[in-house]
Protein backbone atom coordinates (compact mmCIF):
# COMPACT_ATOMS: atom_id res chain seq x y z
CA MET A 1 -13.56 133.90 -95.91
CA GLN A 2 -16.59 135.81 -96.56
CA ARG A 3 -17.09 138.14 -93.35
CA ARG A 4 -19.96 137.26 -91.38
CA PRO A 5 -23.25 140.03 -91.32
CA ALA A 6 -22.81 141.03 -88.24
CA GLN A 7 -18.98 141.80 -88.64
CA ARG A 8 -20.00 143.76 -91.81
CA LEU A 9 -22.83 145.52 -90.25
CA LEU A 10 -20.46 146.86 -87.60
CA HIS A 11 -17.56 147.50 -90.67
CA ARG A 12 -20.21 149.67 -92.00
CA GLY A 13 -21.19 151.76 -89.03
CA ILE A 14 -17.55 152.10 -88.34
CA ARG A 15 -16.84 153.85 -91.51
CA SER A 16 -20.01 155.80 -91.81
CA VAL A 17 -19.00 157.01 -88.54
CA PHE A 18 -15.47 158.06 -89.34
CA SER A 19 -17.18 159.91 -93.08
CA LEU A 20 -18.14 162.32 -90.40
CA PHE A 21 -14.93 163.60 -89.65
CA PRO A 22 -13.30 166.04 -91.62
CA ARG A 23 -11.19 165.12 -94.62
CA SER A 24 -7.99 166.38 -93.06
CA VAL A 25 -8.37 164.38 -89.83
CA ARG A 26 -9.92 161.02 -91.90
CA PHE A 27 -5.81 161.56 -93.81
CA ALA A 28 -4.27 161.88 -90.69
CA VAL A 29 -5.67 158.83 -89.30
CA TYR A 30 -4.30 156.74 -92.03
CA ARG A 31 -1.38 158.58 -92.20
CA SER A 32 -0.70 157.58 -88.17
CA PHE A 33 -1.07 153.46 -89.47
CA VAL A 34 1.53 153.88 -91.67
CA GLU A 35 4.60 151.43 -90.41
CA CYS A 36 7.66 151.54 -92.85
CA ASP A 37 9.99 148.56 -91.58
CA PRO A 38 13.64 149.64 -93.39
CA ALA A 39 14.97 146.46 -93.00
CA PRO A 40 11.89 143.64 -93.26
CA ASP A 41 12.46 140.32 -92.21
CA ALA A 42 15.09 138.21 -94.30
CA ARG A 43 12.36 135.57 -94.97
CA LEU A 44 10.71 138.09 -97.23
CA THR A 45 11.61 138.41 -100.80
CA LEU A 46 9.55 140.70 -103.48
CA LYS A 47 10.31 139.82 -106.94
CA ILE A 48 8.53 139.12 -110.23
CA ALA A 49 6.06 136.09 -110.13
CA GLU A 50 7.24 133.89 -113.25
CA SER A 51 6.96 130.26 -112.75
CA ARG A 52 3.88 128.56 -112.89
CA GLU A 53 3.80 127.94 -108.72
CA GLU A 54 4.10 131.58 -108.06
CA LEU A 55 1.98 132.82 -110.79
CA GLU A 56 -0.52 130.17 -109.48
CA ALA A 57 -0.49 131.05 -105.99
CA CYS A 58 -0.69 134.86 -106.78
CA PHE A 59 -4.20 134.18 -108.81
CA ALA A 60 -5.40 132.07 -105.80
CA LEU A 61 -4.42 134.75 -102.88
CA LEU A 62 -6.35 137.17 -105.25
CA HIS A 63 -9.40 134.38 -105.92
CA ASP A 64 -9.71 134.09 -102.37
CA ALA A 65 -9.57 137.78 -101.58
CA TYR A 66 -11.76 139.38 -104.44
CA VAL A 67 -14.57 136.18 -103.50
CA GLY A 68 -14.56 137.35 -99.76
CA SER A 69 -15.14 140.90 -100.75
CA GLY A 70 -17.79 140.16 -103.31
CA PHE A 71 -16.01 140.92 -106.04
CA MET A 72 -16.29 138.10 -107.86
CA ARG A 73 -18.19 134.37 -107.76
CA PRO A 74 -16.17 131.85 -107.10
CA HIS A 75 -14.25 130.37 -109.67
CA PRO A 76 -13.79 126.08 -110.12
CA SER A 77 -10.10 126.78 -110.38
CA GLY A 78 -9.63 128.51 -107.52
CA MET A 79 -7.51 131.65 -109.24
CA ARG A 80 -8.70 134.87 -110.61
CA VAL A 81 -7.21 135.11 -114.52
CA THR A 82 -8.15 137.65 -116.66
CA ILE A 83 -7.03 138.52 -120.41
CA TYR A 84 -4.66 140.70 -119.04
CA HIS A 85 -2.63 138.47 -117.16
CA ALA A 86 -1.88 136.73 -120.40
CA LEU A 87 0.02 140.25 -121.90
CA PRO A 88 3.68 140.86 -122.15
CA THR A 89 2.76 144.25 -120.90
CA THR A 90 1.12 142.84 -117.71
CA THR A 91 4.17 142.08 -114.72
CA THR A 92 2.37 140.44 -111.91
CA LEU A 93 4.83 141.25 -108.57
CA CYS A 94 4.84 138.95 -105.44
CA ALA A 95 5.76 138.82 -102.09
CA LYS A 96 6.97 135.91 -100.46
CA TYR A 97 7.61 134.79 -96.83
CA ASP A 98 9.27 131.80 -96.25
CA ASP A 99 8.52 131.06 -99.93
CA GLU A 100 5.30 131.35 -99.68
CA VAL A 101 3.43 133.56 -101.96
CA VAL A 102 1.43 136.13 -99.23
CA GLY A 103 0.76 139.32 -101.51
CA THR A 104 0.66 140.54 -104.69
CA ILE A 105 -0.02 142.99 -107.12
CA SER A 106 -0.40 143.46 -110.78
CA LEU A 107 0.71 146.08 -113.32
CA ILE A 108 -1.36 146.55 -116.63
CA ARG A 109 0.46 149.14 -118.88
CA GLU A 110 -1.41 150.24 -121.71
CA SER A 111 -1.41 147.86 -125.06
CA VAL A 112 -4.08 147.00 -127.71
CA PHE A 113 -5.95 145.35 -125.29
CA GLY A 114 -6.18 148.92 -123.04
CA PHE A 115 -6.42 148.08 -119.57
CA PRO A 116 -9.99 147.51 -117.61
CA LEU A 117 -10.81 150.86 -116.17
CA GLN A 118 -10.52 153.08 -119.37
CA ALA A 119 -13.44 151.48 -120.40
CA ILE A 120 -15.69 153.70 -117.78
CA PHE A 121 -13.29 156.36 -116.67
CA ASP A 122 -12.45 159.61 -118.83
CA LEU A 123 -8.46 159.07 -119.02
CA HIS A 124 -8.15 162.76 -121.35
CA GLY A 125 -6.72 164.67 -118.97
CA ILE A 126 -4.14 162.36 -118.20
CA ARG A 127 -3.24 161.48 -121.67
CA GLU A 128 -2.89 165.35 -122.34
CA LYS A 129 0.30 165.19 -119.85
CA GLY A 130 2.04 162.61 -121.80
CA GLY A 131 3.60 159.43 -120.87
CA ARG A 132 2.96 156.17 -120.44
CA ILE A 133 -0.15 154.63 -118.25
CA ALA A 134 -0.56 151.77 -116.23
CA GLU A 135 -3.27 150.44 -114.21
CA VAL A 136 -2.57 149.14 -110.66
CA SER A 137 -4.70 145.92 -110.22
CA ALA A 138 -5.16 142.54 -108.67
CA LEU A 139 -3.77 143.46 -104.63
CA ALA A 140 -4.14 141.28 -102.74
CA VAL A 141 -2.40 140.29 -99.10
CA HIS A 142 -2.60 136.71 -97.38
CA PRO A 143 -5.01 137.03 -94.17
CA ARG A 144 -2.52 136.59 -91.62
CA PHE A 145 -0.56 139.34 -92.78
CA ARG A 146 -3.34 142.33 -92.91
CA LYS A 147 -2.89 143.50 -89.33
CA THR A 148 0.70 143.00 -89.13
CA GLY A 149 1.28 147.02 -89.26
CA GLY A 150 1.58 146.38 -93.34
CA SER A 151 4.38 144.39 -93.33
CA ILE A 152 3.85 142.77 -96.30
CA LEU A 153 1.77 145.59 -97.98
CA PHE A 154 4.41 148.49 -97.75
CA PRO A 155 7.23 146.83 -99.04
CA LEU A 156 5.34 145.83 -101.83
CA MET A 157 3.81 149.09 -102.80
CA LYS A 158 7.42 150.28 -102.41
CA PHE A 159 8.26 147.39 -104.79
CA MET A 160 5.86 148.32 -107.76
CA TYR A 161 6.84 151.93 -107.34
CA GLU A 162 10.71 151.35 -107.81
CA TYR A 163 9.56 148.97 -110.65
CA CYS A 164 7.34 151.74 -112.45
CA VAL A 165 10.03 154.30 -112.19
CA THR A 166 12.83 152.39 -113.09
CA TYR A 167 12.11 149.38 -115.33
CA PHE A 168 8.31 149.69 -116.42
CA ASP A 169 8.54 153.41 -118.30
CA THR A 170 5.42 154.38 -117.04
CA ARG A 171 4.26 157.66 -116.02
CA HIS A 172 0.61 157.48 -114.63
CA LEU A 173 -0.93 154.63 -112.49
CA VAL A 174 -4.45 154.30 -112.38
CA ILE A 175 -6.43 152.44 -110.32
CA ALA A 176 -10.23 151.99 -110.05
CA VAL A 177 -11.36 150.71 -106.41
CA ASN A 178 -14.34 150.14 -104.23
CA PRO A 179 -15.38 153.82 -102.17
CA ASP A 180 -14.63 152.32 -99.19
CA ARG A 181 -11.14 152.01 -99.95
CA ILE A 182 -10.21 155.08 -101.92
CA GLU A 183 -9.06 157.47 -99.13
CA MET A 184 -6.14 155.12 -98.07
CA TYR A 185 -4.75 155.54 -101.58
CA GLU A 186 -5.88 159.23 -101.84
CA SER A 187 -4.20 159.76 -98.13
CA LEU A 188 -0.79 157.61 -98.14
CA LEU A 189 0.02 157.40 -101.81
CA LEU A 190 -1.83 160.70 -102.61
CA PHE A 191 -3.85 159.82 -105.73
CA GLU A 192 -6.19 162.06 -107.14
CA ARG A 193 -9.88 161.10 -107.99
CA LEU A 194 -10.91 161.00 -112.00
CA THR A 195 -13.49 163.44 -113.25
CA GLU A 196 -16.11 160.71 -112.21
CA ASN A 197 -16.68 160.45 -108.62
CA GLN A 198 -18.10 156.75 -108.52
CA VAL A 199 -19.14 153.94 -111.40
CA ASP A 200 -22.06 152.35 -109.42
CA ASN A 201 -21.55 148.91 -111.37
CA TYR A 202 -17.88 148.03 -112.62
CA ASP A 203 -18.21 144.88 -114.47
CA PHE A 204 -14.76 143.92 -114.12
CA VAL A 205 -15.14 143.87 -110.14
CA ASN A 206 -19.13 141.75 -110.45
CA GLY A 207 -20.66 144.79 -110.41
CA ALA A 208 -19.40 146.63 -107.33
CA PRO A 209 -19.09 150.11 -107.09
CA ALA A 210 -15.60 151.52 -108.05
CA VAL A 211 -13.69 155.12 -107.65
CA GLY A 212 -11.40 155.75 -110.04
CA ALA A 213 -8.04 157.95 -109.21
CA SER A 214 -3.99 158.44 -110.64
CA LEU A 215 -1.08 159.27 -109.73
CA ASP A 216 1.33 161.12 -111.50
CA LEU A 217 5.18 159.47 -110.95
CA TYR A 218 6.89 162.74 -112.36
CA THR A 219 5.38 164.87 -109.83
CA ALA A 220 5.07 162.14 -107.03
CA PRO A 221 7.77 162.80 -105.16
CA ARG A 222 7.36 166.44 -104.55
CA HIS A 223 4.13 166.06 -103.00
CA LEU A 224 5.37 163.42 -101.17
CA GLU A 225 7.99 165.16 -99.80
CA GLN A 226 5.76 167.79 -98.58
CA VAL A 227 2.94 165.52 -97.02
CA TYR A 228 5.65 163.30 -94.98
CA ARG A 229 8.50 166.34 -94.13
CA GLY A 230 9.04 165.92 -90.31
CA LYS A 231 7.77 162.78 -90.02
CA PRO A 232 9.79 160.11 -87.83
CA ALA A 233 11.32 157.72 -90.37
CA ARG A 234 9.02 154.84 -89.97
CA LYS A 235 6.17 157.00 -90.82
CA ASP A 236 7.89 158.54 -93.73
CA LEU A 237 6.66 157.06 -96.95
CA TYR A 238 8.97 159.83 -99.19
CA GLY A 239 12.05 158.63 -97.06
CA TYR A 240 10.62 155.22 -97.71
CA PHE A 241 9.91 154.96 -101.02
CA LEU A 242 12.88 157.44 -102.60
CA HIS A 243 15.80 156.82 -100.44
CA THR A 244 15.35 153.68 -98.62
CA ARG A 245 16.89 150.53 -100.16
CA LEU A 246 15.37 147.35 -99.19
CA LYS A 247 17.41 144.31 -100.01
CA ASN A 248 14.40 141.98 -100.21
CA ILE A 249 13.60 144.05 -103.72
CA ALA A 250 15.09 141.26 -106.36
CA MET A 251 14.41 143.70 -109.33
CA PRO A 252 14.99 142.33 -113.14
CA ASN A 253 18.57 141.70 -114.33
CA ARG A 254 17.83 143.22 -117.89
CA ARG A 255 20.42 142.70 -120.47
CA TYR A 256 18.92 144.98 -122.87
CA PHE A 257 16.96 148.02 -122.17
CA THR A 258 13.91 146.41 -122.45
CA THR A 259 10.79 148.14 -120.55
CA ASN A 260 8.17 144.97 -120.33
CA ASP A 261 9.40 141.58 -118.15
CA PRO A 262 7.15 139.30 -119.82
CA VAL A 263 6.98 135.20 -118.75
CA MET A 264 3.94 133.56 -120.39
CA THR A 265 5.45 130.75 -122.09
CA PRO A 266 3.16 128.86 -124.50
CA VAL A 267 3.11 126.28 -121.99
CA LEU A 268 2.39 128.61 -118.91
CA LEU A 269 -0.42 130.18 -121.49
CA ASP A 270 -1.77 126.74 -122.29
CA TYR A 271 -1.90 125.76 -118.44
CA PHE A 272 -3.50 129.48 -117.02
CA PHE A 273 -5.94 130.33 -119.99
CA ASN A 274 -6.74 126.98 -121.75
CA GLN A 275 -6.65 124.24 -119.22
CA ARG A 276 -7.57 125.49 -115.65
CA THR A 277 -9.81 128.88 -117.14
CA GLU A 278 -11.91 129.49 -120.33
CA THR A 279 -10.07 133.11 -120.27
CA PHE A 280 -9.09 132.21 -124.21
CA GLU A 281 -12.36 130.76 -125.43
CA SER A 282 -14.53 133.46 -124.25
CA LEU A 283 -12.32 136.21 -125.91
CA THR A 284 -14.27 137.89 -128.97
CA ASP A 285 -13.19 137.64 -132.55
CA ARG A 286 -11.04 140.72 -132.57
CA GLU A 287 -9.39 140.30 -129.16
CA ARG A 288 -8.23 136.69 -130.03
CA GLY A 289 -6.69 138.56 -133.29
CA LEU A 290 -5.36 141.00 -131.18
CA LEU A 291 -3.70 138.48 -129.36
CA HIS A 292 -2.32 136.78 -132.21
CA SER A 293 -0.87 140.09 -133.13
CA ILE A 294 0.93 140.07 -129.93
CA TYR A 295 2.23 136.64 -129.47
CA ASN A 296 2.87 136.35 -133.60
CA ILE A 297 5.83 133.75 -133.49
CA PRO A 298 4.51 129.94 -134.59
CA GLU A 299 5.62 128.75 -130.92
CA TYR A 300 2.57 130.29 -129.40
CA LEU A 301 0.04 129.37 -132.66
CA ALA A 302 -1.23 126.17 -130.98
CA VAL A 303 -1.94 127.32 -127.67
CA LEU A 304 -3.62 130.52 -129.15
CA PRO A 305 -7.47 130.69 -129.67
CA THR A 306 -8.92 130.53 -133.42
CA VAL A 307 -8.97 133.48 -135.11
CA PHE A 308 -11.90 133.13 -137.93
CA SER A 309 -11.60 136.24 -140.07
CA GLU A 310 -7.98 134.95 -140.94
CA SER A 311 -7.42 136.26 -144.21
CA ASP A 312 -8.71 140.33 -142.91
CA PHE A 313 -6.83 139.65 -139.59
CA ARG A 314 -3.61 139.04 -141.39
CA ARG A 315 -4.04 141.61 -143.62
CA ARG A 316 -4.25 144.30 -141.26
CA GLN A 317 -0.60 143.08 -139.62
CA ARG A 318 2.45 145.51 -139.38
CA SER A 319 5.20 144.26 -141.43
CA HIS A 320 7.44 144.31 -138.92
CA ALA A 321 7.16 144.20 -135.41
CA ARG A 322 7.50 147.05 -133.06
CA TYR A 323 9.27 146.56 -129.59
CA SER A 324 9.31 148.77 -126.10
CA LEU A 325 12.77 149.58 -125.17
CA LYS A 326 14.23 153.15 -123.04
CA CYS A 327 17.26 153.53 -124.58
CA PRO A 328 19.80 156.62 -124.30
CA GLY A 329 21.38 157.68 -127.37
CA THR A 330 22.56 160.22 -129.44
CA PHE A 331 22.15 161.40 -133.07
CA SER A 332 25.09 163.11 -135.03
CA VAL A 333 24.14 165.81 -137.61
CA VAL A 334 26.92 167.13 -140.07
CA SER A 335 26.22 170.04 -142.07
CA SER A 336 28.13 172.61 -144.02
CA GLY A 337 31.40 170.91 -142.44
CA HIS A 338 29.97 171.39 -138.66
CA ALA A 339 28.83 168.11 -136.86
CA SER A 340 25.85 168.55 -133.72
CA LEU A 341 25.62 166.05 -131.63
CA HIS A 342 21.98 165.69 -130.28
CA PRO A 343 20.60 163.66 -127.06
CA ILE A 344 17.73 161.00 -127.74
CA LEU A 345 15.84 158.85 -126.13
CA VAL A 346 15.02 155.41 -128.00
CA VAL A 347 11.24 154.33 -126.71
CA GLU A 348 10.38 152.02 -129.91
CA PHE A 349 12.55 149.41 -131.98
CA SER A 350 11.72 147.57 -135.12
CA ASP A 351 13.76 145.44 -137.55
CA ASP A 352 14.85 148.82 -139.69
CA GLY A 353 14.10 151.54 -137.63
CA PHE A 354 12.92 153.09 -134.36
CA LEU A 355 11.04 155.81 -132.77
CA ALA A 356 13.01 158.66 -130.12
CA TYR A 357 11.92 162.13 -128.14
CA SER A 358 14.64 164.78 -128.62
CA LYS A 359 14.49 168.07 -127.20
CA ALA A 360 16.32 168.92 -130.42
CA ASN A 361 14.24 170.55 -133.68
CA LEU A 362 15.31 167.68 -136.17
CA GLN A 363 13.92 167.79 -139.79
CA VAL A 364 12.44 165.22 -141.99
CA ASN A 365 14.68 163.62 -143.99
CA GLN A 366 18.05 164.51 -142.26
CA TRP A 367 20.55 162.38 -142.05
CA GLY A 368 22.67 161.52 -139.11
CA GLU A 369 24.69 158.56 -137.27
CA ALA A 370 22.44 157.33 -133.98
CA CYS A 371 24.68 155.65 -131.46
CA ILE A 372 22.21 153.91 -128.86
CA GLN A 373 22.96 152.28 -125.88
CA LEU A 374 20.82 149.25 -126.77
CA GLY A 375 21.93 147.49 -122.94
CA LYS A 376 24.35 147.60 -120.41
CA GLU A 377 27.47 146.13 -122.86
CA GLU A 378 25.45 146.71 -126.22
CA VAL A 379 25.98 149.44 -128.36
CA SER A 380 24.55 150.39 -131.89
CA ALA A 381 26.03 152.77 -134.17
CA VAL A 382 24.08 153.02 -137.42
CA MET A 383 23.38 155.72 -139.88
CA ALA A 384 19.57 156.64 -139.97
CA VAL A 385 17.24 159.43 -141.64
CA VAL A 386 14.55 161.28 -139.81
CA VAL A 387 11.24 160.10 -141.47
CA ARG A 388 8.30 161.87 -139.45
CA ALA A 389 8.12 164.59 -136.66
CA LYS A 390 5.87 165.14 -134.24
CA LEU A 391 6.88 168.34 -132.20
CA ARG A 392 6.29 168.74 -128.57
CA THR A 393 4.43 165.26 -128.13
CA SER A 394 5.47 163.68 -124.77
CA VAL A 395 6.56 165.65 -121.83
CA GLY A 396 8.63 164.05 -119.14
CA PRO A 397 10.29 165.02 -116.06
CA HIS A 398 12.94 167.66 -117.35
CA GLY A 399 10.42 169.51 -119.88
CA ALA A 400 8.96 168.61 -123.44
CA TYR A 401 10.32 166.61 -125.98
CA SER A 402 9.08 166.06 -129.86
CA SER A 403 8.93 162.22 -131.25
CA TYR A 404 10.67 161.24 -134.18
CA GLY A 405 10.95 158.23 -136.07
CA PHE A 406 13.79 157.17 -137.76
CA LYS A 407 14.83 154.53 -140.66
CA VAL A 408 17.96 152.65 -140.61
CA LEU A 409 19.93 152.39 -143.44
CA GLN A 410 21.83 149.19 -142.65
CA PRO A 411 21.50 147.70 -139.44
CA ASP A 412 24.58 146.60 -137.38
CA LEU A 413 25.34 143.42 -135.61
CA PRO A 414 24.41 144.40 -132.22
CA TRP A 415 21.16 145.93 -133.46
CA ARG A 416 20.50 142.29 -135.35
CA LYS A 417 21.41 140.66 -132.06
CA LEU A 418 18.83 142.85 -130.02
CA VAL A 419 16.03 141.84 -133.09
CA ALA A 420 17.06 138.32 -133.18
CA ALA A 421 16.59 138.32 -129.28
CA LEU A 422 13.31 140.01 -128.87
CA LYS A 423 12.04 137.43 -131.34
CA GLU A 424 12.87 134.48 -130.42
CA GLY A 425 13.10 134.66 -126.47
CA LEU A 426 9.71 136.29 -125.39
CA THR A 427 10.58 135.87 -121.67
CA HIS A 428 12.28 138.34 -119.46
CA ALA A 429 14.29 135.36 -118.30
CA ASP A 430 15.18 134.62 -122.17
CA LEU A 431 16.11 138.33 -123.01
CA ASP A 432 18.43 138.57 -119.71
CA ASN A 433 20.19 135.24 -120.60
CA ALA A 434 20.33 136.09 -124.23
CA SER A 435 22.92 134.00 -126.35
CA GLU A 436 24.36 135.30 -129.48
CA PHE A 437 21.61 134.70 -131.82
CA LEU A 438 23.85 135.50 -134.41
CA SER A 439 27.81 134.86 -134.95
CA ASP A 440 30.34 137.20 -135.40
C-alpha cells in the first residue's frame, strides 16, 4: 500500500535529522538492528523460485513493493516482470513461510543483455579487478514481515551470499538503490559506492533517484570479520554469513558443475512475457536477436518474438554454443620425456573446446591431456591443444590467473553427454535429473 502523505512527511523528517549524525554513529545504529537467528522457524524455506506459482508470487510481491514505493506504475498483470527475468543467467530466490512466498530477490549475472545499472554507472574499476559481475535486484519482503527484526530479510541475504559464492561463480555484486536506503547496504553488508554519487533519474525504477554500489565477494569475508569481531552471536553478520548453516536453505542439487540455474521453459516464457505482460513485444530488434541467440533451440522458437533482420542475425551467430561452468581439472604436458601436470579451472565449454584459467605458463600449439571433473561423478579425459592465451587476465582469491582457449581433438563420452544435456535440458531441474542422452 502507498504511504499516506503524513507518514511520508514524518519519515522524511526523521531521515533528515538522522542524516545530521556522524557517519560512524549512523552505521552503528543500523548495525544495532541486526538480529540473526541461527535456527529460524522450520516453516521458513529458502529456495530458487522455479514453478509458475512461485515466480508469479515473487513478481506480484515485487510489483506491490515497487508501486508502494513509487518505483513503478501499477501494471494490469499485478506483476513486475522485466526482460532480465527471462534470461537463463538470472536467478530469482524466494523465501516461503508456510508455503507462501514472503520474500524475493533476483540475481542478474552479466550476459549479452548486460544488466540494468551498467547503463548509468561506470563499472570500469570493477572490471579491472577481474571476475564475473552480478546485479542484485528486485528485493521485496511481504509487509507483515517488514517489522519482525529481519526474520525474512537476513535469511534471504544469507541465502543470496552463499548462492553467489558457492554456485553462481560471481566475484562482484552491484546494486542501484534509492539514496534513502544505500546506508543500510554500506553499514551492514559493506557495499562501497560507485564513482557517481547519485543518478537523479533512473529509468529502470520509474525515474526515481538511485545510488550505485558494489561488493567484492573475494575480500568481503575479511572486512566483515573486522567490523563484526566481538559482536554477540545474533548481531554478528560475519559469523552468520560465513559459518552458520541454515537448514531452511535448499541449494540446487546439480549433477554437473554449471553456474546457472535457468528455470524458464517455453511454457513459462510464453505465460509471463507474452500472455501476462507485453515484455517480448516491447523489445527492440537487436534485443529480439539476442534473445534468439540465447534460446537457440526449436522448442523455444514458437514463443520468442519475431526477429525482423533474420538473415543478418543468423549470419552473426556462433557455430557452437558456449556454456558457463566451473569445473576443476588438470592439463598434463609431456616434453622431452618429462610429464608436467598443471591445475586448470574450466569456465566455458562448447562442443569441441573449452576456456580455462591456470597459473601455469602454457604455450599456444601446446598439446596435452585435459582431465576435467564435469560434475559430482562425471570425469572427462581428452587430448587438447592450446589455441589462444591471455596472460594474467583474471584475478581470483588465490592470485592472478592466465586465460587459455583449448581445442579438443575428440570429445569422449562424458563430454558428449554433458553437451547433450546442456542442449536438450535448459532448466536447472532438467540438468539435475539429466538422463543418459547418449548410450554407452
